């Protein structure tokens, strides 16, 4: 199992070129998607925390998969990697390792938030 490293200053948190390419270069559409994501991702984090607290591996897998899909629109590799790791942990029912990966995900999302808010 690949370990997801905590994001550091050198990580590209948000790849504007990738994000724009995903919306056909439409900056206004990118902004709208970012607003929707910023409104929605706290619910995803709550879902992930609840899945961990209740030991619900299937819910962890499903919630992480949804978050990974949403955030992939922004070329946010650290967030995508952490969500993918949580998805895999859930699929394999390996919840012992999940706390550190969840923390990494939260840090990566915290770094991404101001980037998206600035759109």
PDB file of N, CA and C in Angstrom:
ATOM      1  N   UNK A   1       0.835  -1.175   0.000  1.00  0.00           N
ATOM      2  CA  UNK A   1       0.000   0.000   0.000  1.00  0.00           C
ATOM      3  C   UNK A   1       0.880   1.238   0.000  1.00  0.00           C
ATOM      4  N   UNK A   2       0.621   2.115  -0.920  1.00  0.00           N
ATOM      5  CA  UNK A   2       1.389   3.351  -1.053  1.00  0.00           C
ATOM      6  C   UNK A   2       1.016   4.304   0.074  1.00  0.00           C
ATOM      7  N   UNK A   3       2.008   4.903   0.699  1.00  0.00           N
ATOM      8  CA  UNK A   3       1.746   5.887   1.746  1.00  0.00           C
ATOM      9  C   UNK A   3       1.601   7.266   1.106  1.00  0.00           C
ATOM     10  N   UNK A   4       0.571   7.972   1.506  1.00  0.00           N
ATOM     11  CA  UNK A   4       0.342   9.323   1.017  1.00  0.00           C
ATOM     12  C   UNK A   4       1.063  10.283   1.953  1.00  0.00           C
ATOM     13  N   UNK A   5       1.922  11.083   1.390  1.00  0.00           N
ATOM     14  CA  UNK A   5       2.677  12.045   2.199  1.00  0.00           C
ATOM     15  C   UNK A   5       1.822  13.274   2.469  1.00  0.00           C
ATOM     16  N   UNK A   6       2.074  13.892   3.617  1.00  0.00           N
ATOM     17  CA  UNK A   6       1.380  15.148   3.899  1.00  0.00           C
ATOM     18  C   UNK A   6       1.854  16.191   2.890  1.00  0.00           C
ATOM     19  N   UNK A   7       0.947  17.055   2.444  1.00  0.00           N
ATOM     20  CA  UNK A   7       1.337  18.067   1.467  1.00  0.00           C
ATOM     21  C   UNK A   7       2.336  19.049   2.074  1.00  0.00           C
ATOM     22  N   UNK A   8       3.255  19.514   1.250  1.00  0.00           N
ATOM     23  CA  UNK A   8       4.164  20.566   1.717  1.00  0.00           C
ATOM     24  C   UNK A   8       4.136  21.709   0.717  1.00  0.00           C
ATOM     25  N   UNK A   9       4.892  22.720   0.991  1.00  0.00           N
ATOM     26  CA  UNK A   9       4.846  23.941   0.188  1.00  0.00           C
ATOM     27  C   UNK A   9       5.181  23.706  -1.284  1.00  0.00           C
ATOM     28  N   UNK A  10       5.939  22.668  -1.583  1.00  0.00           N
ATOM     29  CA  UNK A  10       6.336  22.430  -2.969  1.00  0.00           C
ATOM     30  C   UNK A  10       5.253  21.704  -3.770  1.00  0.00           C
ATOM     31  N   UNK A  11       4.250  21.152  -3.105  1.00  0.00           N
ATOM     32  CA  UNK A  11       3.184  20.453  -3.814  1.00  0.00           C
ATOM     33  C   UNK A  11       2.323  21.440  -4.584  1.00  0.00           C
ATOM     34  N   UNK A  12       1.940  21.048  -5.801  1.00  0.00           N
ATOM     35  CA  UNK A  12       1.014  21.857  -6.574  1.00  0.00           C
ATOM     36  C   UNK A  12      -0.378  21.520  -6.053  1.00  0.00           C
ATOM     37  N   UNK A  13      -0.976  22.471  -5.363  1.00  0.00           N
ATOM     38  CA  UNK A  13      -2.264  22.252  -4.733  1.00  0.00           C
ATOM     39  C   UNK A  13      -3.386  22.343  -5.758  1.00  0.00           C
ATOM     40  N   UNK A  14      -3.234  23.261  -6.684  1.00  0.00           N
ATOM     41  CA  UNK A  14      -4.270  23.533  -7.675  1.00  0.00           C
ATOM     42  C   UNK A  14      -3.590  23.797  -9.007  1.00  0.00           C
ATOM     43  N   UNK A  15      -3.927  23.020 -10.008  1.00  0.00           N
ATOM     44  CA  UNK A  15      -3.340  23.199 -11.335  1.00  0.00           C
ATOM     45  C   UNK A  15      -4.370  23.890 -12.224  1.00  0.00           C
ATOM     46  N   UNK A  16      -4.232  25.202 -12.328  1.00  0.00           N
ATOM     47  CA  UNK A  16      -5.197  26.013 -13.082  1.00  0.00           C
ATOM     48  C   UNK A  16      -5.324  25.545 -14.538  1.00  0.00           C
ATOM     49  N   UNK A  17      -4.215  25.172 -15.154  1.00  0.00           N
ATOM     50  CA  UNK A  17      -4.254  24.728 -16.553  1.00  0.00           C
ATOM     51  C   UNK A  17      -5.084  23.452 -16.696  1.00  0.00           C
ATOM     52  N   UNK A  18      -4.878  22.511 -15.790  1.00  0.00           N
ATOM     53  CA  UNK A  18      -5.663  21.268 -15.816  1.00  0.00           C
ATOM     54  C   UNK A  18      -7.135  21.584 -15.580  1.00  0.00           C
ATOM     55  N   UNK A  19      -7.398  22.409 -14.578  1.00  0.00           N
ATOM     56  CA  UNK A  19      -8.779  22.760 -14.241  1.00  0.00           C
ATOM     57  C   UNK A  19      -9.478  23.428 -15.425  1.00  0.00           C
ATOM     58  N   UNK A  20      -8.804  24.373 -16.054  1.00  0.00           N
ATOM     59  CA  UNK A  20      -9.400  25.048 -17.209  1.00  0.00           C
ATOM     60  C   UNK A  20      -9.617  24.096 -18.379  1.00  0.00           C
ATOM     61  N   UNK A  21      -8.676  23.168 -18.567  1.00  0.00           N
ATOM     62  CA  UNK A  21      -8.838  22.209 -19.671  1.00  0.00           C
ATOM     63  C   UNK A  21     -10.051  21.307 -19.439  1.00  0.00           C
ATOM     64  N   UNK A  22     -10.380  21.033 -18.178  1.00  0.00           N
ATOM     65  CA  UNK A  22     -11.525  20.170 -17.855  1.00  0.00           C
ATOM     66  C   UNK A  22     -12.854  20.857 -18.134  1.00  0.00           C
ATOM     67  N   UNK A  23     -12.848  22.193 -18.220  1.00  0.00           N
ATOM     68  CA  UNK A  23     -14.084  22.945 -18.487  1.00  0.00           C
ATOM     69  C   UNK A  23     -14.006  23.662 -19.835  1.00  0.00           C
ATOM     70  N   UNK A  24     -13.160  23.172 -20.727  1.00  0.00           N
ATOM     71  CA  UNK A  24     -13.060  23.740 -22.061  1.00  0.00           C
ATOM     72  C   UNK A  24     -12.593  25.178 -22.082  1.00  0.00           C
ATOM     73  N   UNK A  25     -11.794  25.561 -21.072  1.00  0.00           N
ATOM     74  CA  UNK A  25     -11.249  26.913 -21.027  1.00  0.00           C
ATOM     75  C   UNK A  25     -12.204  27.965 -20.486  1.00  0.00           C
ATOM     76  N   UNK A  26     -13.371  27.532 -20.022  1.00  0.00           N
ATOM     77  CA  UNK A  26     -14.404  28.455 -19.541  1.00  0.00           C
ATOM     78  C   UNK A  26     -14.140  28.812 -18.072  1.00  0.00           C
ATOM     79  N   UNK A  27     -13.506  29.966 -17.843  1.00  0.00           N
ATOM     80  CA  UNK A  27     -13.138  30.387 -16.485  1.00  0.00           C
ATOM     81  C   UNK A  27     -14.364  30.605 -15.605  1.00  0.00           C
ATOM     82  N   UNK A  28     -15.454  31.076 -16.190  1.00  0.00           N
ATOM     83  CA  UNK A  28     -16.680  31.306 -15.406  1.00  0.00           C
ATOM     84  C   UNK A  28     -17.271  29.977 -14.936  1.00  0.00           C
ATOM     85  N   UNK A  29     -17.258  28.987 -15.801  1.00  0.00           N
ATOM     86  CA  UNK A  29     -17.743  27.657 -15.413  1.00  0.00           C
ATOM     87  C   UNK A  29     -16.851  27.060 -14.322  1.00  0.00           C
ATOM     88  N   UNK A  30     -15.547  27.238 -14.448  1.00  0.00           N
ATOM     89  CA  UNK A  30     -14.620  26.760 -13.422  1.00  0.00           C
ATOM     90  C   UNK A  30     -14.945  27.396 -12.071  1.00  0.00           C
ATOM     91  N   UNK A  31     -15.220  28.688 -12.094  1.00  0.00           N
ATOM     92  CA  UNK A  31     -15.569  29.400 -10.866  1.00  0.00           C
ATOM     93  C   UNK A  31     -16.843  28.818 -10.250  1.00  0.00           C
ATOM     94  N   UNK A  32     -17.843  28.557 -11.074  1.00  0.00           N
ATOM     95  CA  UNK A  32     -19.100  27.984 -10.589  1.00  0.00           C
ATOM     96  C   UNK A  32     -18.870  26.597  -9.973  1.00  0.00           C
ATOM     97  N   UNK A  33     -18.065  25.786 -10.632  1.00  0.00           N
ATOM     98  CA  UNK A  33     -17.768  24.450 -10.116  1.00  0.00           C
ATOM     99  C   UNK A  33     -17.009  24.554  -8.794  1.00  0.00           C
ATOM    100  N   UNK A  34     -16.096  25.507  -8.712  1.00  0.00           N
ATOM    101  CA  UNK A  34     -15.333  25.707  -7.477  1.00  0.00           C
ATOM    102  C   UNK A  34     -16.262  26.103  -6.335  1.00  0.00           C
ATOM    103  N   UNK A  35     -17.215  26.993  -6.604  1.00  0.00           N
ATOM    104  CA  UNK A  35     -18.166  27.419  -5.571  1.00  0.00           C
ATOM    105  C   UNK A  35     -18.988  26.229  -5.079  1.00  0.00           C
ATOM    106  N   UNK A  36     -19.476  25.432  -6.014  1.00  0.00           N
ATOM    107  CA  UNK A  36     -20.242  24.236  -5.643  1.00  0.00           C
ATOM    108  C   UNK A  36     -19.394  23.283  -4.801  1.00  0.00           C
ATOM    109  N   UNK A  37     -18.145  23.087  -5.212  1.00  0.00           N
ATOM    110  CA  UNK A  37     -17.257  22.195  -4.471  1.00  0.00           C
ATOM    111  C   UNK A  37     -17.010  22.722  -3.059  1.00  0.00           C
ATOM    112  N   UNK A  38     -16.726  24.013  -2.943  1.00  0.00           N
ATOM    113  CA  UNK A  38     -16.454  24.609  -1.634  1.00  0.00           C
ATOM    114  C   UNK A  38     -17.668  24.484  -0.702  1.00  0.00           C
ATOM    115  N   UNK A  39     -18.863  24.565  -1.257  1.00  0.00           N
ATOM    116  CA  UNK A  39     -20.076  24.388  -0.454  1.00  0.00           C
ATOM    117  C   UNK A  39     -20.278  22.935  -0.042  1.00  0.00           C
ATOM    118  N   UNK A  40     -19.858  22.016  -0.905  1.00  0.00           N
ATOM    119  CA  UNK A  40     -20.180  20.604  -0.720  1.00  0.00           C
ATOM    120  C   UNK A  40     -19.124  19.794   0.033  1.00  0.00           C
ATOM    121  N   UNK A  41     -17.845  20.125  -0.111  1.00  0.00           N
ATOM    122  CA  UNK A  41     -16.829  19.230   0.434  1.00  0.00           C
ATOM    123  C   UNK A  41     -16.870  19.065   1.950  1.00  0.00           C
ATOM    124  N   UNK A  42     -17.325  20.073   2.739  1.00  0.00           N
ATOM    125  CA  UNK A  42     -17.421  19.807   4.187  1.00  0.00           C
ATOM    126  C   UNK A  42     -18.358  18.636   4.505  1.00  0.00           C
ATOM    127  N   UNK A  43     -19.421  18.467   3.705  1.00  0.00           N
ATOM    128  CA  UNK A  43     -20.321  17.319   3.895  1.00  0.00           C
ATOM    129  C   UNK A  43     -19.586  16.015   3.622  1.00  0.00           C
ATOM    130  N   UNK A  44     -18.738  16.029   2.609  1.00  0.00           N
ATOM    131  CA  UNK A  44     -17.948  14.831   2.297  1.00  0.00           C
ATOM    132  C   UNK A  44     -17.007  14.489   3.446  1.00  0.00           C
ATOM    133  N   UNK A  45     -16.378  15.508   4.019  1.00  0.00           N
ATOM    134  CA  UNK A  45     -15.483  15.272   5.162  1.00  0.00           C
ATOM    135  C   UNK A  45     -16.252  14.704   6.350  1.00  0.00           C
ATOM    136  N   UNK A  46     -17.442  15.239   6.588  1.00  0.00           N
ATOM    137  CA  UNK A  46     -18.276  14.722   7.680  1.00  0.00           C
ATOM    138  C   UNK A  46     -18.608  13.254   7.431  1.00  0.00           C
ATOM    139  N   UNK A  47     -18.979  12.934   6.195  1.00  0.00           N
ATOM    140  CA  UNK A  47     -19.265  11.541   5.821  1.00  0.00           C
ATOM    141  C   UNK A  47     -18.062  10.641   6.093  1.00  0.00           C
ATOM    142  N   UNK A  48     -16.890  11.109   5.705  1.00  0.00           N
ATOM    143  CA  UNK A  48     -15.675  10.318   5.903  1.00  0.00           C
ATOM    144  C   UNK A  48     -15.410  10.092   7.397  1.00  0.00           C
ATOM    145  N   UNK A  49     -15.547  11.150   8.187  1.00  0.00           N
ATOM    146  CA  UNK A  49     -15.332  11.030   9.633  1.00  0.00           C
ATOM    147  C   UNK A  49     -16.340  10.063  10.255  1.00  0.00           C
ATOM    148  N   UNK A  50     -17.589  10.165   9.851  1.00  0.00           N
ATOM    149  CA  UNK A  50     -18.613   9.269  10.388  1.00  0.00           C
ATOM    150  C   UNK A  50     -18.333   7.818   9.993  1.00  0.00           C
ATOM    151  N   UNK A  51     -17.883   7.618   8.768  1.00  0.00           N
ATOM    152  CA  UNK A  51     -17.550   6.261   8.323  1.00  0.00           C
ATOM    153  C   UNK A  51     -16.415   5.685   9.159  1.00  0.00           C
ATOM    154  N   UNK A  52     -15.417   6.505   9.450  1.00  0.00           N
ATOM    155  CA  UNK A  52     -14.282   6.053  10.266  1.00  0.00           C
ATOM    156  C   UNK A  52     -14.755   5.747  11.689  1.00  0.00           C
ATOM    157  N   UNK A  53     -15.539   6.665  12.258  1.00  0.00           N
ATOM    158  CA  UNK A  53     -16.019   6.493  13.641  1.00  0.00           C
ATOM    159  C   UNK A  53     -16.863   5.234  13.805  1.00  0.00           C
ATOM    160  N   UNK A  54     -17.655   4.914  12.800  1.00  0.00           N
ATOM    161  CA  UNK A  54     -18.536   3.746  12.895  1.00  0.00           C
ATOM    162  C   UNK A  54     -17.905   2.488  12.314  1.00  0.00           C
ATOM    163  N   UNK A  55     -16.707   2.624  11.757  1.00  0.00           N
ATOM    164  CA  UNK A  55     -16.033   1.462  11.176  1.00  0.00           C
ATOM    165  C   UNK A  55     -16.710   0.958   9.910  1.00  0.00           C
ATOM    166  N   UNK A  56     -17.362   1.861   9.178  1.00  0.00           N
ATOM    167  CA  UNK A  56     -18.099   1.501   7.967  1.00  0.00           C
ATOM    168  C   UNK A  56     -17.191   1.653   6.740  1.00  0.00           C
ATOM    169  N   UNK A  57     -16.505   0.571   6.408  1.00  0.00           N
ATOM    170  CA  UNK A  57     -15.531   0.589   5.309  1.00  0.00           C
ATOM    171  C   UNK A  57     -16.195   0.894   3.974  1.00  0.00           C
ATOM    172  N   UNK A  58     -17.390   0.369   3.746  1.00  0.00           N
ATOM    173  CA  UNK A  58     -18.082   0.597   2.469  1.00  0.00           C
ATOM    174  C   UNK A  58     -18.438   2.080   2.314  1.00  0.00           C
ATOM    175  N   UNK A  59     -18.915   2.684   3.388  1.00  0.00           N
ATOM    176  CA  UNK A  59     -19.253   4.111   3.347  1.00  0.00           C
ATOM    177  C   UNK A  59     -17.996   4.951   3.136  1.00  0.00           C
ATOM    178  N   UNK A  60     -16.907   4.559   3.769  1.00  0.00           N
ATOM    179  CA  UNK A  60     -15.626   5.252   3.579  1.00  0.00           C
ATOM    180  C   UNK A  60     -15.221   5.191   2.110  1.00  0.00           C
ATOM    181  N   UNK A  61     -15.285   4.019   1.533  1.00  0.00           N
ATOM    182  CA  UNK A  61     -14.918   3.840   0.125  1.00  0.00           C
ATOM    183  C   UNK A  61     -15.788   4.711  -0.778  1.00  0.00           C
ATOM    184  N   UNK A  62     -17.087   4.673  -0.563  1.00  0.00           N
ATOM    185  CA  UNK A  62     -18.037   5.421  -1.401  1.00  0.00           C
ATOM    186  C   UNK A  62     -17.835   6.935  -1.267  1.00  0.00           C
ATOM    187  N   UNK A  63     -17.696   7.416  -0.034  1.00  0.00           N
ATOM    188  CA  UNK A  63     -17.523   8.857   0.193  1.00  0.00           C
ATOM    189  C   UNK A  63     -16.202   9.362  -0.378  1.00  0.00           C
ATOM    190  N   UNK A  64     -15.142   8.588  -0.175  1.00  0.00           N
ATOM    191  CA  UNK A  64     -13.827   8.978  -0.702  1.00  0.00           C
ATOM    192  C   UNK A  64     -13.845   8.985  -2.227  1.00  0.00           C
ATOM    193  N   UNK A  65     -14.531   8.022  -2.818  1.00  0.00           N
ATOM    194  CA  UNK A  65     -14.618   7.958  -4.286  1.00  0.00           C
ATOM    195  C   UNK A  65     -15.324   9.205  -4.830  1.00  0.00           C
ATOM    196  N   UNK A  66     -16.420   9.600  -4.192  1.00  0.00           N
ATOM    197  CA  UNK A  66     -17.150  10.788  -4.632  1.00  0.00           C
ATOM    198  C   UNK A  66     -16.313  12.051  -4.516  1.00  0.00           C
ATOM    199  N   UNK A  67     -15.615  12.185  -3.395  1.00  0.00           N
ATOM    200  CA  UNK A  67     -14.756  13.357  -3.195  1.00  0.00           C
ATOM    201  C   UNK A  67     -13.627  13.376  -4.222  1.00  0.00           C
ATOM    202  N   UNK A  68     -13.042  12.214  -4.464  1.00  0.00           N
ATOM    203  CA  UNK A  68     -11.947  12.114  -5.440  1.00  0.00           C
ATOM    204  C   UNK A  68     -12.424  12.577  -6.814  1.00  0.00           C
ATOM    205  N   UNK A  69     -13.591  12.165  -7.215  1.00  0.00           N
ATOM    206  CA  UNK A  69     -14.135  12.575  -8.510  1.00  0.00           C
ATOM    207  C   UNK A  69     -14.369  14.076  -8.586  1.00  0.00           C
ATOM    208  N   UNK A  70     -14.914  14.639  -7.515  1.00  0.00           N
ATOM    209  CA  UNK A  70     -15.188  16.078  -7.497  1.00  0.00           C
ATOM    210  C   UNK A  70     -13.917  16.902  -7.582  1.00  0.00           C
ATOM    211  N   UNK A  71     -12.934  16.518  -6.800  1.00  0.00           N
ATOM    212  CA  UNK A  71     -11.722  17.334  -6.697  1.00  0.00           C
ATOM    213  C   UNK A  71     -10.780  17.124  -7.881  1.00  0.00           C
ATOM    214  N   UNK A  72     -10.950  16.033  -8.601  1.00  0.00           N
ATOM    215  CA  UNK A  72     -10.074  15.793  -9.754  1.00  0.00           C
ATOM    216  C   UNK A  72     -10.257  16.863 -10.827  1.00  0.00           C
ATOM    217  N   UNK A  73     -11.407  17.531 -10.821  1.00  0.00           N
ATOM    218  CA  UNK A  73     -11.648  18.623 -11.780  1.00  0.00           C
ATOM    219  C   UNK A  73     -10.645  19.757 -11.633  1.00  0.00           C
ATOM    220  N   UNK A  74     -10.016  19.863 -10.468  1.00  0.00           N
ATOM    221  CA  UNK A  74      -9.129  20.992 -10.195  1.00  0.00           C
ATOM    222  C   UNK A  74      -7.650  20.653 -10.329  1.00  0.00           C
ATOM    223  N   UNK A  75      -7.323  19.453 -10.785  1.00  0.00           N
ATOM    224  CA  UNK A  75      -5.918  19.088 -10.903  1.00  0.00           C
ATOM    225  C   UNK A  75      -5.223  19.157  -9.547  1.00  0.00           C
ATOM    226  N   UNK A  76      -5.958  18.849  -8.492  1.00  0.00           N
ATOM    227  CA  UNK A  76      -5.457  18.949  -7.118  1.00  0.00           C
ATOM    228  C   UNK A  76      -4.892  17.598  -6.685  1.00  0.00           C
ATOM    229  N   UNK A  77      -3.716  17.288  -7.181  1.00  0.00           N
ATOM    230  CA  UNK A  77      -3.115  15.974  -6.983  1.00  0.00           C
ATOM    231  C   UNK A  77      -3.020  15.537  -5.523  1.00  0.00           C
ATOM    232  N   UNK A  78      -2.588  16.381  -4.568  1.00  0.00           N
ATOM    233  CA  UNK A  78      -2.504  15.919  -3.175  1.00  0.00           C
ATOM    234  C   UNK A  78      -3.857  15.473  -2.604  1.00  0.00           C
ATOM    235  N   UNK A  79      -4.918  16.180  -2.973  1.00  0.00           N
ATOM    236  CA  UNK A  79      -6.248  15.819  -2.486  1.00  0.00           C
ATOM    237  C   UNK A  79      -6.720  14.535  -3.170  1.00  0.00           C
ATOM    238  N   UNK A  80      -6.527  14.456  -4.467  1.00  0.00           N
ATOM    239  CA  UNK A  80      -6.929  13.268  -5.221  1.00  0.00           C
ATOM    240  C   UNK A  80      -6.206  12.036  -4.678  1.00  0.00           C
ATOM    241  N   UNK A  81      -4.902  12.168  -4.440  1.00  0.00           N
ATOM    242  CA  UNK A  81      -4.125  11.029  -3.932  1.00  0.00           C
ATOM    243  C   UNK A  81      -4.615  10.566  -2.564  1.00  0.00           C
ATOM    244  N   UNK A  82      -4.878  11.508  -1.668  1.00  0.00           N
ATOM    245  CA  UNK A  82      -5.348  11.148  -0.326  1.00  0.00           C
ATOM    246  C   UNK A  82      -6.736  10.513  -0.395  1.00  0.00           C
ATOM    247  N   UNK A  83      -7.629  11.063  -1.218  1.00  0.00           N
ATOM    248  CA  UNK A  83      -8.966  10.490  -1.361  1.00  0.00           C
ATOM    249  C   UNK A  83      -8.888   9.089  -1.966  1.00  0.00           C
ATOM    250  N   UNK A  84      -8.009   8.909  -2.946  1.00  0.00           N
ATOM    251  CA  UNK A  84      -7.842   7.586  -3.559  1.00  0.00           C
ATOM    252  C   UNK A  84      -7.328   6.576  -2.538  1.00  0.00           C
ATOM    253  N   UNK A  85      -6.423   7.020  -1.679  1.00  0.00           N
ATOM    254  CA  UNK A  85      -5.896   6.144  -0.632  1.00  0.00           C
ATOM    255  C   UNK A  85      -7.007   5.748   0.345  1.00  0.00           C
ATOM    256  N   UNK A  86      -7.847   6.699   0.739  1.00  0.00           N
ATOM    257  CA  UNK A  86      -8.972   6.384   1.619  1.00  0.00           C
ATOM    258  C   UNK A  86      -9.943   5.416   0.940  1.00  0.00           C
ATOM    259  N   UNK A  87     -10.181   5.645  -0.333  1.00  0.00           N
ATOM    260  CA  UNK A  87     -11.064   4.755  -1.091  1.00  0.00           C
ATOM    261  C   UNK A  87     -10.521   3.326  -1.073  1.00  0.00           C
ATOM    262  N   UNK A  88      -9.237   3.186  -1.307  1.00  0.00           N
ATOM    263  CA  UNK A  88      -8.599   1.867  -1.310  1.00  0.00           C
ATOM    264  C   UNK A  88      -8.646   1.220   0.076  1.00  0.00           C
ATOM    265  N   UNK A  89      -8.369   2.013   1.109  1.00  0.00           N
ATOM    266  CA  UNK A  89      -8.432   1.490   2.479  1.00  0.00           C
ATOM    267  C   UNK A  89      -9.832   0.989   2.792  1.00  0.00           C
ATOM    268  N   UNK A  90     -10.836   1.744   2.378  1.00  0.00           N
ATOM    269  CA  UNK A  90     -12.214   1.314   2.583  1.00  0.00           C
ATOM    270  C   UNK A  90     -12.527   0.041   1.819  1.00  0.00           C
ATOM    271  N   UNK A  91     -12.128  -0.005   0.567  1.00  0.00           N
ATOM    272  CA  UNK A  91     -12.384  -1.183  -0.268  1.00  0.00           C
ATOM    273  C   UNK A  91     -11.739  -2.420   0.345  1.00  0.00           C
ATOM    274  N   UNK A  92     -10.524  -2.250   0.873  1.00  0.00           N
ATOM    275  CA  UNK A  92      -9.788  -3.378   1.458  1.00  0.00           C
ATOM    276  C   UNK A  92     -10.097  -3.585   2.940  1.00  0.00           C
ATOM    277  N   UNK A  93     -10.996  -2.764   3.475  1.00  0.00           N
ATOM    278  CA  UNK A  93     -11.413  -2.832   4.874  1.00  0.00           C
ATOM    279  C   UNK A  93     -10.225  -2.754   5.834  1.00  0.00           C
ATOM    280  N   UNK A  94      -9.314  -1.837   5.543  1.00  0.00           N
ATOM    281  CA  UNK A  94      -8.127  -1.613   6.377  1.00  0.00           C
ATOM    282  C   UNK A  94      -8.262  -0.270   7.079  1.00  0.00           C
ATOM    283  N   UNK A  95      -9.106  -0.231   8.070  1.00  0.00           N
ATOM    284  CA  UNK A  95      -9.424   1.034   8.724  1.00  0.00           C
ATOM    285  C   UNK A  95      -8.402   1.437   9.781  1.00  0.00           C
ATOM    286  N   UNK A  96      -7.429   0.573  10.077  1.00  0.00           N
ATOM    287  CA  UNK A  96      -6.409   0.925  11.059  1.00  0.00           C
ATOM    288  C   UNK A  96      -5.547   2.088  10.594  1.00  0.00           C
ATOM    289  N   UNK A  97      -5.274   2.165   9.317  1.00  0.00           N
ATOM    290  CA  UNK A  97      -4.364   3.179   8.777  1.00  0.00           C
ATOM    291  C   UNK A  97      -5.084   4.467   8.388  1.00  0.00           C
ATOM    292  N   UNK A  98      -6.374   4.526   8.569  1.00  0.00           N
ATOM    293  CA  UNK A  98      -7.179   5.568   7.961  1.00  0.00           C
ATOM    294  C   UNK A  98      -7.017   6.953   8.602  1.00  0.00           C
ATOM    295  N   UNK A  99      -6.759   7.036   9.887  1.00  0.00           N
ATOM    296  CA  UNK A  99      -6.683   8.335  10.568  1.00  0.00           C
ATOM    297  C   UNK A  99      -5.623   9.263   9.960  1.00  0.00           C
ATOM    298  N   UNK A 100      -4.435   8.736   9.717  1.00  0.00           N
ATOM    299  CA  UNK A 100      -3.358   9.563   9.162  1.00  0.00           C
ATOM    300  C   UNK A 100      -3.685  10.019   7.736  1.00  0.00           C
ATOM    301  N   UNK A 101      -4.273   9.146   6.957  1.00  0.00           N
ATOM    302  CA  UNK A 101      -4.626   9.515   5.581  1.00  0.00           C
ATOM    303  C   UNK A 101      -5.739  10.555   5.587  1.00  0.00           C
ATOM    304  N   UNK A 102      -6.674  10.410   6.506  1.00  0.00           N
ATOM    305  CA  UNK A 102      -7.746  11.396   6.626  1.00  0.00           C
ATOM    306  C   UNK A 102      -7.172  12.759   7.013  1.00  0.00           C
ATOM    307  N   UNK A 103      -6.216  12.774   7.896  1.00  0.00           N
ATOM    308  CA  UNK A 103      -5.551  14.030   8.296  1.00  0.00           C
ATOM    309  C   UNK A 103      -4.829  14.658   7.093  1.00  0.00           C
ATOM    310  N   UNK A 104      -4.154  13.828   6.317  1.00  0.00           N
ATOM    311  CA  UNK A 104      -3.478  14.313   5.110  1.00  0.00           C
ATOM    312  C   UNK A 104      -4.487  14.931   4.147  1.00  0.00           C
ATOM    313  N   UNK A 105      -5.634  14.275   3.993  1.00  0.00           N
ATOM    314  CA  UNK A 105      -6.692  14.797   3.133  1.00  0.00           C
ATOM    315  C   UNK A 105      -7.172  16.156   3.632  1.00  0.00           C
ATOM    316  N   UNK A 106      -7.385  16.282   4.920  1.00  0.00           N
ATOM    317  CA  UNK A 106      -7.849  17.549   5.491  1.00  0.00           C
ATOM    318  C   UNK A 106      -6.839  18.671   5.265  1.00  0.00           C
ATOM    319  N   UNK A 107      -5.572  18.368   5.432  1.00  0.00           N
ATOM    320  CA  UNK A 107      -4.533  19.378   5.199  1.00  0.00           C
ATOM    321  C   UNK A 107      -4.487  19.795   3.728  1.00  0.00           C
ATOM    322  N   UNK A 108      -4.611  18.834   2.839  1.00  0.00           N
ATOM    323  CA  UNK A 108      -4.594  19.134   1.409  1.00  0.00           C
ATOM    324  C   UNK A 108      -5.812  19.966   1.015  1.00  0.00           C
ATOM    325  N   UNK A 109      -6.974  19.644   1.572  1.00  0.00           N
ATOM    326  CA  UNK A 109      -8.176  20.436   1.293  1.00  0.00           C
ATOM    327  C   UNK A 109      -8.042  21.850   1.852  1.00  0.00           C
ATOM    328  N   UNK A 110      -7.439  21.973   3.026  1.00  0.00           N
ATOM    329  CA  UNK A 110      -7.229  23.295   3.624  1.00  0.00           C
ATOM    330  C   UNK A 110      -6.313  24.150   2.751  1.00  0.00           C
ATOM    331  N   UNK A 111      -5.338  23.512   2.108  1.00  0.00           N
ATOM    332  CA  UNK A 111      -4.428  24.240   1.206  1.00  0.00           C
ATOM    333  C   UNK A 111      -5.143  24.597  -0.105  1.00  0.00           C
ATOM    334  N   UNK A 112      -6.055  23.740  -0.547  1.00  0.00           N
ATOM    335  CA  UNK A 112      -6.768  23.974  -1.802  1.00  0.00           C
ATOM    336  C   UNK A 112      -7.828  25.065  -1.671  1.00  0.00           C
ATOM    337  N   UNK A 113      -8.462  25.141  -0.542  1.00  0.00           N
ATOM    338  CA  UNK A 113      -9.588  26.073  -0.344  1.00  0.00           C
ATOM    339  C   UNK A 113      -9.285  27.511  -0.775  1.00  0.00           C
ATOM    340  N   UNK A 114      -8.200  28.132  -0.269  1.00  0.00           N
ATOM    341  CA  UNK A 114      -7.946  29.523  -0.682  1.00  0.00           C
ATOM    342  C   UNK A 114      -7.681  29.664  -2.183  1.00  0.00           C
ATOM    343  N   UNK A 115      -7.102  28.634  -2.786  1.00  0.00           N
ATOM    344  CA  UNK A 115      -6.856  28.670  -4.238  1.00  0.00           C
ATOM    345  C   UNK A 115      -8.186  28.753  -4.989  1.00  0.00           C
ATOM    346  N   UNK A 116      -9.140  27.950  -4.560  1.00  0.00           N
ATOM    347  CA  UNK A 116     -10.441  27.953  -5.221  1.00  0.00           C
ATOM    348  C   UNK A 116     -11.235  29.212  -4.895  1.00  0.00           C
ATOM    349  N   UNK A 117     -11.119  29.688  -3.670  1.00  0.00           N
ATOM    350  CA  UNK A 117     -11.821  30.914  -3.293  1.00  0.00           C
ATOM    351  C   UNK A 117     -11.329  32.111  -4.098  1.00  0.00           C
ATOM    352  N   UNK A 118     -10.085  32.068  -4.529  1.00  0.00           N
ATOM    353  CA  UNK A 118      -9.512  33.194  -5.270  1.00  0.00           C
ATOM    354  C   UNK A 118      -9.976  33.245  -6.727  1.00  0.00           C
ATOM    355  N   UNK A 119     -10.671  32.218  -7.169  1.00  0.00           N
ATOM    356  CA  UNK A 119     -11.169  32.221  -8.545  1.00  0.00           C
ATOM    357  C   UNK A 119     -12.256  33.270  -8.661  1.00  0.00           C
TER     358      UNK A 119
END
